N, C-alpha and C. Protein backbone atom coordinates (compact mmCIF):
# COMPACT_ATOMS: atom_id res chain seq x y z
N MET A 1 -20.22 -19.15 9.83
CA MET A 1 -20.68 -20.04 10.88
C MET A 1 -20.69 -19.27 12.19
N GLU A 2 -21.79 -19.26 12.84
CA GLU A 2 -21.93 -18.58 14.11
C GLU A 2 -21.53 -19.55 15.22
N LEU A 3 -20.62 -19.13 16.08
CA LEU A 3 -20.16 -19.99 17.17
C LEU A 3 -21.02 -19.75 18.41
N GLN A 4 -21.38 -20.80 19.07
CA GLN A 4 -22.15 -20.71 20.29
C GLN A 4 -21.23 -20.95 21.47
N LYS A 5 -21.30 -20.10 22.48
CA LYS A 5 -20.47 -20.27 23.66
C LYS A 5 -20.93 -21.48 24.43
N LYS A 6 -19.96 -22.32 24.83
CA LYS A 6 -20.28 -23.51 25.60
C LYS A 6 -20.12 -23.23 27.08
N GLU A 7 -20.78 -24.05 27.87
CA GLU A 7 -20.71 -23.88 29.32
C GLU A 7 -19.35 -24.32 29.86
N VAL A 8 -18.79 -25.38 29.29
CA VAL A 8 -17.49 -25.88 29.77
C VAL A 8 -16.57 -26.08 28.59
N ALA A 9 -15.27 -26.05 28.87
CA ALA A 9 -14.28 -26.29 27.83
C ALA A 9 -14.17 -27.79 27.59
N THR A 10 -14.42 -28.21 26.34
CA THR A 10 -14.34 -29.64 26.03
C THR A 10 -13.41 -29.93 24.87
N HIS A 11 -12.57 -28.98 24.51
CA HIS A 11 -11.75 -29.18 23.32
C HIS A 11 -10.40 -29.82 23.61
N GLY A 12 -10.16 -30.25 24.79
CA GLY A 12 -8.95 -31.00 25.08
C GLY A 12 -7.81 -30.17 25.64
N CYS A 13 -8.01 -28.93 25.94
CA CYS A 13 -6.93 -28.12 26.51
C CYS A 13 -6.60 -28.62 27.92
N THR A 14 -5.34 -28.54 28.22
CA THR A 14 -4.93 -28.84 29.59
C THR A 14 -5.14 -27.60 30.44
N ASN A 15 -4.99 -27.75 31.73
CA ASN A 15 -5.12 -26.58 32.61
C ASN A 15 -4.05 -25.54 32.34
N GLN A 16 -2.91 -25.98 31.76
CA GLN A 16 -1.83 -25.05 31.46
C GLN A 16 -2.06 -24.27 30.16
N CYS A 17 -3.07 -24.65 29.41
CA CYS A 17 -3.34 -24.00 28.12
C CYS A 17 -3.70 -22.54 28.35
N LYS A 18 -3.08 -21.67 27.58
CA LYS A 18 -3.35 -20.24 27.69
C LYS A 18 -4.23 -19.73 26.55
N CYS A 19 -4.80 -20.67 25.77
CA CYS A 19 -5.59 -20.22 24.62
C CYS A 19 -6.83 -19.50 25.12
N GLN A 20 -7.28 -18.55 24.34
CA GLN A 20 -8.41 -17.71 24.71
C GLN A 20 -9.74 -18.25 24.20
N GLN A 21 -9.74 -19.43 23.58
CA GLN A 21 -10.94 -19.94 22.96
C GLN A 21 -11.55 -21.13 23.69
N LYS A 22 -11.14 -21.40 24.91
CA LYS A 22 -11.64 -22.55 25.63
C LYS A 22 -13.15 -22.61 25.69
N ALA A 23 -13.77 -21.48 25.94
CA ALA A 23 -15.22 -21.47 26.12
C ALA A 23 -15.98 -21.77 24.83
N TYR A 24 -15.32 -21.67 23.68
CA TYR A 24 -15.98 -21.95 22.41
C TYR A 24 -15.65 -23.33 21.87
N GLY A 25 -14.83 -24.09 22.57
CA GLY A 25 -14.45 -25.40 22.07
C GLY A 25 -13.45 -25.33 20.95
N LEU A 26 -12.74 -24.23 20.84
CA LEU A 26 -11.76 -24.03 19.79
C LEU A 26 -10.40 -23.74 20.40
N CYS A 27 -9.38 -23.82 19.58
CA CYS A 27 -8.03 -23.50 20.05
C CYS A 27 -7.54 -22.22 19.44
N GLY A 28 -6.95 -21.38 20.21
CA GLY A 28 -6.37 -20.16 19.69
C GLY A 28 -4.91 -20.29 19.33
N GLY A 29 -4.37 -21.48 19.32
CA GLY A 29 -3.00 -21.67 18.87
C GLY A 29 -2.02 -22.05 19.96
N CYS A 30 -2.47 -22.71 21.01
CA CYS A 30 -1.55 -23.05 22.08
C CYS A 30 -0.60 -24.17 21.67
N GLY A 31 -0.94 -24.93 20.63
CA GLY A 31 -0.03 -25.92 20.10
C GLY A 31 -0.06 -27.27 20.79
N THR A 32 -0.89 -27.46 21.80
CA THR A 32 -0.91 -28.75 22.50
C THR A 32 -2.01 -29.67 21.99
N HIS A 33 -2.81 -29.21 21.06
CA HIS A 33 -3.91 -30.00 20.50
C HIS A 33 -4.28 -29.44 19.15
N ASN A 34 -5.27 -30.01 18.51
CA ASN A 34 -5.68 -29.54 17.19
C ASN A 34 -6.14 -28.10 17.24
N GLN A 35 -5.77 -27.36 16.19
CA GLN A 35 -6.22 -25.99 16.08
C GLN A 35 -7.43 -25.94 15.17
N LYS A 36 -8.34 -25.08 15.48
CA LYS A 36 -9.54 -24.88 14.67
C LYS A 36 -9.45 -23.51 14.03
N ALA A 37 -9.61 -23.45 12.72
CA ALA A 37 -9.61 -22.17 12.04
C ALA A 37 -10.81 -21.37 12.52
N ASP A 38 -10.58 -20.16 12.93
CA ASP A 38 -11.64 -19.32 13.44
C ASP A 38 -12.18 -18.47 12.29
N THR A 39 -13.25 -18.92 11.66
CA THR A 39 -13.75 -18.25 10.47
C THR A 39 -14.34 -16.88 10.77
N LYS A 40 -14.70 -16.62 12.01
CA LYS A 40 -15.26 -15.30 12.30
C LYS A 40 -14.19 -14.21 12.21
N GLU A 41 -12.92 -14.57 12.24
CA GLU A 41 -11.85 -13.59 12.09
C GLU A 41 -11.43 -13.42 10.64
N LEU A 42 -12.07 -14.12 9.71
CA LEU A 42 -11.75 -13.99 8.30
C LEU A 42 -12.50 -12.80 7.70
N SER A 43 -11.97 -12.28 6.62
CA SER A 43 -12.66 -11.21 5.90
C SER A 43 -13.97 -11.73 5.35
N SER A 44 -14.85 -10.83 4.98
CA SER A 44 -16.13 -11.25 4.44
C SER A 44 -15.94 -12.02 3.13
N ALA A 45 -14.96 -11.63 2.32
CA ALA A 45 -14.68 -12.35 1.07
C ALA A 45 -14.20 -13.77 1.36
N ALA A 46 -13.36 -13.92 2.38
CA ALA A 46 -12.87 -15.25 2.76
C ALA A 46 -14.01 -16.10 3.31
N GLN A 47 -14.85 -15.52 4.14
CA GLN A 47 -15.99 -16.27 4.69
C GLN A 47 -16.91 -16.73 3.58
N GLU A 48 -17.17 -15.86 2.61
CA GLU A 48 -18.06 -16.22 1.49
C GLU A 48 -17.45 -17.34 0.66
N LEU A 49 -16.15 -17.29 0.43
CA LEU A 49 -15.49 -18.34 -0.34
C LEU A 49 -15.55 -19.67 0.41
N VAL A 50 -15.33 -19.66 1.70
CA VAL A 50 -15.42 -20.88 2.51
C VAL A 50 -16.84 -21.44 2.43
N LYS A 51 -17.84 -20.57 2.51
CA LYS A 51 -19.24 -21.03 2.38
C LYS A 51 -19.47 -21.68 1.03
N GLN A 52 -18.95 -21.06 -0.03
CA GLN A 52 -19.11 -21.63 -1.38
C GLN A 52 -18.45 -23.00 -1.47
N LEU A 53 -17.29 -23.15 -0.86
CA LEU A 53 -16.61 -24.45 -0.87
C LEU A 53 -17.34 -25.47 -0.02
N GLU A 54 -17.97 -25.04 1.06
CA GLU A 54 -18.76 -25.97 1.86
C GLU A 54 -19.96 -26.49 1.06
N ILE A 55 -20.48 -25.67 0.16
CA ILE A 55 -21.63 -26.06 -0.67
C ILE A 55 -21.18 -26.91 -1.86
N HIS A 56 -20.14 -26.45 -2.58
CA HIS A 56 -19.76 -27.07 -3.85
C HIS A 56 -18.61 -28.07 -3.75
N CYS A 57 -17.93 -28.12 -2.67
CA CYS A 57 -16.76 -28.99 -2.44
C CYS A 57 -15.52 -28.56 -3.21
N TYR A 58 -15.65 -28.26 -4.49
CA TYR A 58 -14.51 -27.86 -5.32
C TYR A 58 -14.89 -26.63 -6.13
N LEU A 59 -13.91 -25.75 -6.34
CA LEU A 59 -14.09 -24.60 -7.21
C LEU A 59 -12.86 -24.50 -8.11
N PRO A 60 -13.03 -23.90 -9.28
CA PRO A 60 -11.88 -23.76 -10.18
C PRO A 60 -10.92 -22.68 -9.71
N VAL A 61 -9.67 -22.87 -10.00
CA VAL A 61 -8.64 -21.87 -9.76
C VAL A 61 -7.60 -22.06 -10.86
N VAL A 62 -6.95 -20.99 -11.27
CA VAL A 62 -5.95 -21.10 -12.33
C VAL A 62 -4.74 -20.25 -11.99
N GLN A 63 -3.73 -20.44 -12.79
CA GLN A 63 -2.57 -19.56 -12.84
C GLN A 63 -2.51 -19.02 -14.26
N PHE A 64 -2.20 -17.73 -14.41
CA PHE A 64 -1.92 -17.18 -15.73
C PHE A 64 -0.45 -17.43 -16.00
N VAL A 65 -0.15 -18.12 -17.08
CA VAL A 65 1.23 -18.48 -17.37
C VAL A 65 1.62 -18.08 -18.79
N VAL A 66 2.92 -17.94 -18.98
CA VAL A 66 3.50 -17.71 -20.29
C VAL A 66 4.36 -18.92 -20.59
N GLN A 67 4.17 -19.49 -21.78
CA GLN A 67 4.97 -20.63 -22.21
C GLN A 67 5.57 -20.31 -23.57
N ASP A 68 6.50 -21.14 -24.01
CA ASP A 68 7.18 -20.94 -25.28
C ASP A 68 7.17 -22.24 -26.06
N THR A 69 6.65 -22.18 -27.27
CA THR A 69 6.57 -23.39 -28.10
C THR A 69 7.95 -23.91 -28.50
N THR A 70 8.96 -23.04 -28.48
CA THR A 70 10.30 -23.48 -28.88
C THR A 70 11.10 -24.06 -27.72
N ASP A 71 10.59 -23.89 -26.51
CA ASP A 71 11.29 -24.40 -25.32
C ASP A 71 10.27 -24.97 -24.34
N PRO A 72 10.05 -26.29 -24.36
CA PRO A 72 9.03 -26.89 -23.49
C PRO A 72 9.31 -26.73 -21.99
N MET A 73 10.53 -26.39 -21.62
CA MET A 73 10.87 -26.19 -20.20
C MET A 73 10.54 -24.78 -19.72
N PHE A 74 10.26 -23.87 -20.66
CA PHE A 74 9.97 -22.48 -20.31
C PHE A 74 8.53 -22.35 -19.86
N LYS A 75 8.35 -21.92 -18.62
CA LYS A 75 7.01 -21.66 -18.07
C LYS A 75 7.16 -20.57 -17.02
N LEU A 76 6.50 -19.47 -17.27
CA LEU A 76 6.55 -18.33 -16.36
C LEU A 76 5.16 -18.12 -15.78
N VAL A 77 5.04 -18.26 -14.47
CA VAL A 77 3.75 -18.01 -13.80
C VAL A 77 3.67 -16.52 -13.52
N ALA A 78 2.69 -15.87 -14.15
CA ALA A 78 2.55 -14.42 -14.02
C ALA A 78 1.58 -14.02 -12.92
N TYR A 79 0.44 -14.71 -12.82
CA TYR A 79 -0.54 -14.44 -11.77
C TYR A 79 -0.98 -15.76 -11.17
N SER A 80 -0.95 -15.81 -9.86
CA SER A 80 -1.36 -17.03 -9.17
C SER A 80 -1.62 -16.72 -7.71
N PRO A 81 -2.65 -17.22 -7.13
CA PRO A 81 -3.77 -17.93 -7.72
C PRO A 81 -4.78 -16.94 -8.30
N VAL A 82 -5.55 -17.43 -9.28
CA VAL A 82 -6.59 -16.61 -9.92
C VAL A 82 -7.92 -17.34 -9.79
N TYR A 83 -8.88 -16.66 -9.16
CA TYR A 83 -10.25 -17.17 -9.07
C TYR A 83 -11.16 -16.10 -9.63
N ILE A 84 -11.88 -16.42 -10.69
CA ILE A 84 -12.73 -15.45 -11.37
C ILE A 84 -14.18 -15.90 -11.26
N GLU A 85 -15.01 -14.99 -10.79
CA GLU A 85 -16.45 -15.27 -10.73
C GLU A 85 -17.18 -14.62 -11.90
N GLU A 86 -16.65 -13.49 -12.40
CA GLU A 86 -17.26 -12.77 -13.51
C GLU A 86 -16.15 -12.32 -14.46
N THR A 87 -16.40 -12.42 -15.76
CA THR A 87 -15.37 -12.09 -16.74
C THR A 87 -14.99 -10.61 -16.72
N GLU A 88 -15.81 -9.76 -16.11
CA GLU A 88 -15.52 -8.32 -16.08
C GLU A 88 -14.70 -7.90 -14.87
N GLN A 89 -14.29 -8.81 -14.04
CA GLN A 89 -13.52 -8.43 -12.85
C GLN A 89 -12.24 -7.72 -13.24
N THR A 90 -11.84 -6.77 -12.39
CA THR A 90 -10.61 -6.00 -12.63
C THR A 90 -9.41 -6.74 -12.07
N ILE A 91 -8.23 -6.30 -12.48
CA ILE A 91 -7.01 -6.91 -11.97
C ILE A 91 -6.91 -6.70 -10.46
N GLU A 92 -7.38 -5.57 -9.96
CA GLU A 92 -7.34 -5.32 -8.51
C GLU A 92 -8.22 -6.32 -7.77
N GLU A 93 -9.41 -6.58 -8.30
CA GLU A 93 -10.31 -7.55 -7.67
C GLU A 93 -9.70 -8.96 -7.69
N ILE A 94 -9.07 -9.30 -8.79
CA ILE A 94 -8.43 -10.62 -8.90
C ILE A 94 -7.24 -10.73 -7.95
N ARG A 95 -6.46 -9.67 -7.84
CA ARG A 95 -5.33 -9.68 -6.89
C ARG A 95 -5.83 -9.79 -5.46
N ASP A 96 -6.89 -9.04 -5.13
CA ASP A 96 -7.44 -9.11 -3.77
C ASP A 96 -7.91 -10.52 -3.45
N MET A 97 -8.61 -11.16 -4.39
CA MET A 97 -9.08 -12.53 -4.17
C MET A 97 -7.89 -13.48 -4.08
N GLY A 98 -6.85 -13.23 -4.86
CA GLY A 98 -5.64 -14.05 -4.77
C GLY A 98 -5.03 -13.99 -3.38
N LYS A 99 -5.03 -12.81 -2.78
CA LYS A 99 -4.52 -12.66 -1.41
C LYS A 99 -5.39 -13.44 -0.42
N VAL A 100 -6.70 -13.42 -0.64
CA VAL A 100 -7.62 -14.18 0.21
C VAL A 100 -7.30 -15.67 0.11
N LEU A 101 -7.11 -16.16 -1.12
CA LEU A 101 -6.81 -17.57 -1.33
C LEU A 101 -5.50 -17.97 -0.65
N VAL A 102 -4.48 -17.16 -0.81
CA VAL A 102 -3.18 -17.46 -0.19
C VAL A 102 -3.31 -17.47 1.33
N ASP A 103 -4.07 -16.51 1.87
CA ASP A 103 -4.28 -16.45 3.32
C ASP A 103 -5.00 -17.71 3.83
N LEU A 104 -6.04 -18.14 3.12
CA LEU A 104 -6.77 -19.34 3.52
C LEU A 104 -5.90 -20.59 3.39
N GLN A 105 -5.02 -20.60 2.41
CA GLN A 105 -4.10 -21.72 2.25
C GLN A 105 -3.10 -21.75 3.40
N LYS A 106 -2.56 -20.60 3.77
CA LYS A 106 -1.62 -20.53 4.89
C LYS A 106 -2.26 -20.97 6.20
N LYS A 107 -3.55 -20.68 6.35
CA LYS A 107 -4.28 -21.07 7.56
C LYS A 107 -4.76 -22.52 7.50
N LYS A 108 -4.40 -23.21 6.43
CA LYS A 108 -4.75 -24.62 6.23
C LYS A 108 -6.25 -24.84 6.19
N ILE A 109 -6.95 -23.86 5.62
CA ILE A 109 -8.39 -23.97 5.44
C ILE A 109 -8.71 -24.54 4.06
N LEU A 110 -7.90 -24.17 3.07
CA LEU A 110 -8.13 -24.71 1.74
C LEU A 110 -6.83 -25.10 1.06
N THR A 111 -6.96 -25.92 0.02
CA THR A 111 -5.81 -26.31 -0.80
C THR A 111 -6.01 -25.75 -2.20
N LEU A 112 -4.91 -25.43 -2.85
CA LEU A 112 -4.89 -25.00 -4.23
C LEU A 112 -4.10 -26.04 -4.99
N ASP A 113 -4.75 -26.75 -5.88
CA ASP A 113 -4.13 -27.89 -6.56
C ASP A 113 -4.16 -27.68 -8.07
N TYR A 114 -2.99 -27.34 -8.64
CA TYR A 114 -2.91 -27.12 -10.08
C TYR A 114 -2.68 -28.42 -10.84
N HIS A 115 -2.43 -29.49 -10.15
CA HIS A 115 -2.29 -30.80 -10.79
C HIS A 115 -3.63 -31.55 -10.79
N LEU A 116 -4.67 -30.93 -10.22
CA LEU A 116 -6.00 -31.55 -10.16
C LEU A 116 -7.06 -30.61 -10.73
N PRO A 117 -7.08 -30.43 -12.06
CA PRO A 117 -8.14 -29.58 -12.62
C PRO A 117 -9.49 -30.26 -12.48
N LEU A 118 -10.54 -29.47 -12.52
CA LEU A 118 -11.89 -30.01 -12.42
C LEU A 118 -12.24 -30.73 -13.71
N GLN A 119 -12.58 -31.99 -13.61
CA GLN A 119 -12.94 -32.79 -14.79
C GLN A 119 -14.25 -32.28 -15.39
N GLY A 120 -14.25 -32.07 -16.70
CA GLY A 120 -15.44 -31.63 -17.39
C GLY A 120 -15.72 -30.14 -17.29
N TYR A 121 -14.86 -29.40 -16.65
CA TYR A 121 -15.06 -27.96 -16.49
C TYR A 121 -14.20 -27.25 -17.54
N ALA A 122 -14.78 -26.34 -18.31
CA ALA A 122 -14.09 -25.74 -19.45
C ALA A 122 -13.16 -24.58 -19.08
N TYR A 123 -13.35 -23.96 -17.93
CA TYR A 123 -12.55 -22.80 -17.52
C TYR A 123 -12.68 -21.65 -18.51
N GLN A 124 -13.79 -21.60 -19.23
CA GLN A 124 -13.98 -20.62 -20.29
C GLN A 124 -13.98 -19.19 -19.76
N GLU A 125 -14.57 -18.96 -18.59
CA GLU A 125 -14.61 -17.59 -18.05
C GLU A 125 -13.22 -17.05 -17.77
N TYR A 126 -12.27 -17.93 -17.53
CA TYR A 126 -10.89 -17.49 -17.32
C TYR A 126 -10.27 -17.03 -18.64
N LEU A 127 -10.45 -17.82 -19.68
CA LEU A 127 -9.89 -17.48 -20.99
C LEU A 127 -10.56 -16.26 -21.61
N GLU A 128 -11.82 -16.03 -21.26
CA GLU A 128 -12.57 -14.90 -21.83
C GLU A 128 -12.56 -13.66 -20.93
N SER A 129 -11.95 -13.77 -19.76
CA SER A 129 -11.95 -12.64 -18.84
C SER A 129 -11.15 -11.47 -19.41
N GLU A 130 -11.60 -10.26 -19.09
CA GLU A 130 -10.91 -9.06 -19.55
C GLU A 130 -9.45 -9.05 -19.10
N VAL A 131 -9.21 -9.51 -17.89
CA VAL A 131 -7.84 -9.49 -17.36
C VAL A 131 -6.94 -10.46 -18.12
N PHE A 132 -7.43 -11.66 -18.42
CA PHE A 132 -6.60 -12.60 -19.17
C PHE A 132 -6.35 -12.10 -20.59
N VAL A 133 -7.36 -11.57 -21.24
CA VAL A 133 -7.19 -11.06 -22.61
C VAL A 133 -6.16 -9.93 -22.62
N GLU A 134 -6.25 -9.02 -21.65
CA GLU A 134 -5.27 -7.94 -21.55
C GLU A 134 -3.88 -8.50 -21.27
N PHE A 135 -3.79 -9.45 -20.36
CA PHE A 135 -2.52 -10.10 -20.05
C PHE A 135 -1.92 -10.73 -21.31
N ALA A 136 -2.73 -11.49 -22.02
CA ALA A 136 -2.25 -12.18 -23.22
C ALA A 136 -1.77 -11.18 -24.27
N ASN A 137 -2.51 -10.09 -24.43
CA ASN A 137 -2.17 -9.11 -25.46
C ASN A 137 -0.96 -8.27 -25.11
N SER A 138 -0.85 -7.83 -23.87
CA SER A 138 0.23 -6.89 -23.50
C SER A 138 1.52 -7.59 -23.09
N VAL A 139 1.44 -8.46 -22.12
CA VAL A 139 2.64 -9.10 -21.61
C VAL A 139 3.29 -9.98 -22.68
N VAL A 140 2.48 -10.76 -23.33
CA VAL A 140 3.01 -11.66 -24.34
C VAL A 140 3.57 -10.88 -25.53
N ALA A 141 2.88 -9.80 -25.94
CA ALA A 141 3.37 -8.98 -27.05
C ALA A 141 4.76 -8.42 -26.73
N GLU A 142 4.94 -8.01 -25.49
CA GLU A 142 6.23 -7.48 -25.08
C GLU A 142 7.31 -8.57 -25.07
N MET A 143 6.95 -9.76 -24.62
CA MET A 143 7.92 -10.86 -24.54
C MET A 143 8.26 -11.44 -25.91
N LYS A 144 7.37 -11.29 -26.88
CA LYS A 144 7.62 -11.86 -28.21
C LYS A 144 8.83 -11.23 -28.88
N GLN A 145 9.26 -10.07 -28.39
CA GLN A 145 10.46 -9.44 -28.93
C GLN A 145 11.68 -10.32 -28.66
N GLU A 146 11.70 -11.01 -27.54
CA GLU A 146 12.83 -11.88 -27.18
C GLU A 146 12.55 -13.36 -27.44
N TYR A 147 11.31 -13.77 -27.25
CA TYR A 147 10.94 -15.18 -27.37
C TYR A 147 9.87 -15.32 -28.47
N THR A 148 10.24 -15.89 -29.59
CA THR A 148 9.35 -15.92 -30.74
C THR A 148 8.15 -16.83 -30.57
N GLY A 149 8.27 -17.90 -29.79
CA GLY A 149 7.18 -18.85 -29.65
C GLY A 149 6.35 -18.67 -28.41
N VAL A 150 6.42 -17.51 -27.78
CA VAL A 150 5.75 -17.29 -26.51
C VAL A 150 4.24 -17.14 -26.70
N PHE A 151 3.49 -17.69 -25.76
CA PHE A 151 2.04 -17.56 -25.77
C PHE A 151 1.53 -17.60 -24.33
N ALA A 152 0.35 -17.00 -24.13
CA ALA A 152 -0.29 -16.98 -22.80
C ALA A 152 -1.30 -18.10 -22.72
N THR A 153 -1.37 -18.70 -21.56
CA THR A 153 -2.36 -19.75 -21.32
C THR A 153 -2.68 -19.77 -19.83
N ILE A 154 -3.51 -20.71 -19.46
CA ILE A 154 -3.82 -20.89 -18.04
C ILE A 154 -3.42 -22.29 -17.61
N GLN A 155 -2.97 -22.39 -16.39
CA GLN A 155 -2.75 -23.69 -15.76
C GLN A 155 -4.00 -23.95 -14.93
N LYS A 156 -4.79 -24.92 -15.35
CA LYS A 156 -6.05 -25.22 -14.68
C LYS A 156 -5.80 -25.93 -13.36
N GLY A 157 -6.64 -25.62 -12.39
CA GLY A 157 -6.53 -26.27 -11.09
C GLY A 157 -7.87 -26.25 -10.36
N SER A 158 -7.81 -26.67 -9.13
CA SER A 158 -9.00 -26.69 -8.30
C SER A 158 -8.64 -26.28 -6.88
N MET A 159 -9.65 -25.85 -6.16
CA MET A 159 -9.48 -25.57 -4.74
C MET A 159 -10.54 -26.33 -3.97
N ALA A 160 -10.17 -26.69 -2.76
CA ALA A 160 -11.08 -27.44 -1.89
C ALA A 160 -10.71 -27.14 -0.45
N LEU A 161 -11.67 -27.34 0.43
CA LEU A 161 -11.38 -27.23 1.86
C LEU A 161 -10.48 -28.38 2.25
N THR A 162 -9.57 -28.13 3.16
CA THR A 162 -8.66 -29.19 3.59
C THR A 162 -9.40 -30.21 4.44
N GLN A 163 -8.90 -31.42 4.44
CA GLN A 163 -9.50 -32.46 5.27
C GLN A 163 -9.38 -32.09 6.75
N GLU A 164 -8.27 -31.46 7.10
CA GLU A 164 -8.07 -31.01 8.48
C GLU A 164 -9.18 -30.03 8.89
N TYR A 165 -9.49 -29.08 8.04
CA TYR A 165 -10.54 -28.12 8.33
C TYR A 165 -11.90 -28.82 8.42
N LEU A 166 -12.19 -29.71 7.47
CA LEU A 166 -13.46 -30.43 7.48
C LEU A 166 -13.61 -31.30 8.73
N ASP A 167 -12.52 -31.95 9.15
CA ASP A 167 -12.56 -32.76 10.37
C ASP A 167 -12.86 -31.89 11.58
N GLN A 168 -12.31 -30.70 11.60
CA GLN A 168 -12.55 -29.81 12.73
C GLN A 168 -13.99 -29.32 12.75
N ILE A 169 -14.54 -29.06 11.58
CA ILE A 169 -15.95 -28.66 11.52
C ILE A 169 -16.82 -29.81 12.01
N ASP A 170 -16.54 -31.03 11.53
CA ASP A 170 -17.31 -32.21 11.98
C ASP A 170 -17.21 -32.38 13.49
N GLY A 171 -16.01 -32.23 14.03
CA GLY A 171 -15.82 -32.37 15.47
C GLY A 171 -16.57 -31.31 16.24
N PHE A 172 -16.57 -30.10 15.72
CA PHE A 172 -17.27 -29.02 16.38
C PHE A 172 -18.77 -29.25 16.35
N LEU A 173 -19.30 -29.71 15.22
CA LEU A 173 -20.74 -29.96 15.10
C LEU A 173 -21.18 -31.14 15.97
N GLU A 174 -20.32 -32.16 16.10
CA GLU A 174 -20.65 -33.31 16.93
C GLU A 174 -20.74 -32.92 18.40
N GLU A 175 -19.96 -31.91 18.83
CA GLU A 175 -19.98 -31.50 20.23
C GLU A 175 -21.27 -30.76 20.57
N LYS A 176 -21.93 -30.19 19.58
CA LYS A 176 -23.13 -29.36 19.83
C LYS A 176 -24.29 -30.20 20.30
């Protein structure tokens, strides 16, 4: 999203506000009013993901987990969050995207909800991804020495833009 400089500050800052974003109608974190996530300071991968979420509303996200059939309380989260666009992605690419997701979550731009999987979505690309297959074969094989019923699976979830972020976008667009 390209920000247009405004002629006057209309975002509610007081005269005592020291934020540097007055001219754009945004807050740089002065804490006296709503903060607006500044997407122009995000990485290109983060910006692209935000654009995808603005278009699709929800995207799939998973955790790679290890569970044990002999102990229903046993659940080990090995990789989280995992967002896969292509089954050939490397572990480095998946880790980098995981960092992007965590950063966007910390900035309150998106939510990661593992209790809300996408209805009707198979998550097949996650189960067929090279990284998950390698994870299932290597990590689980090693753990089977101690835990006989261990198996690899995914915890299905979804990601979405936060209502706070969406409200700020709406407010910004209404001011234009």
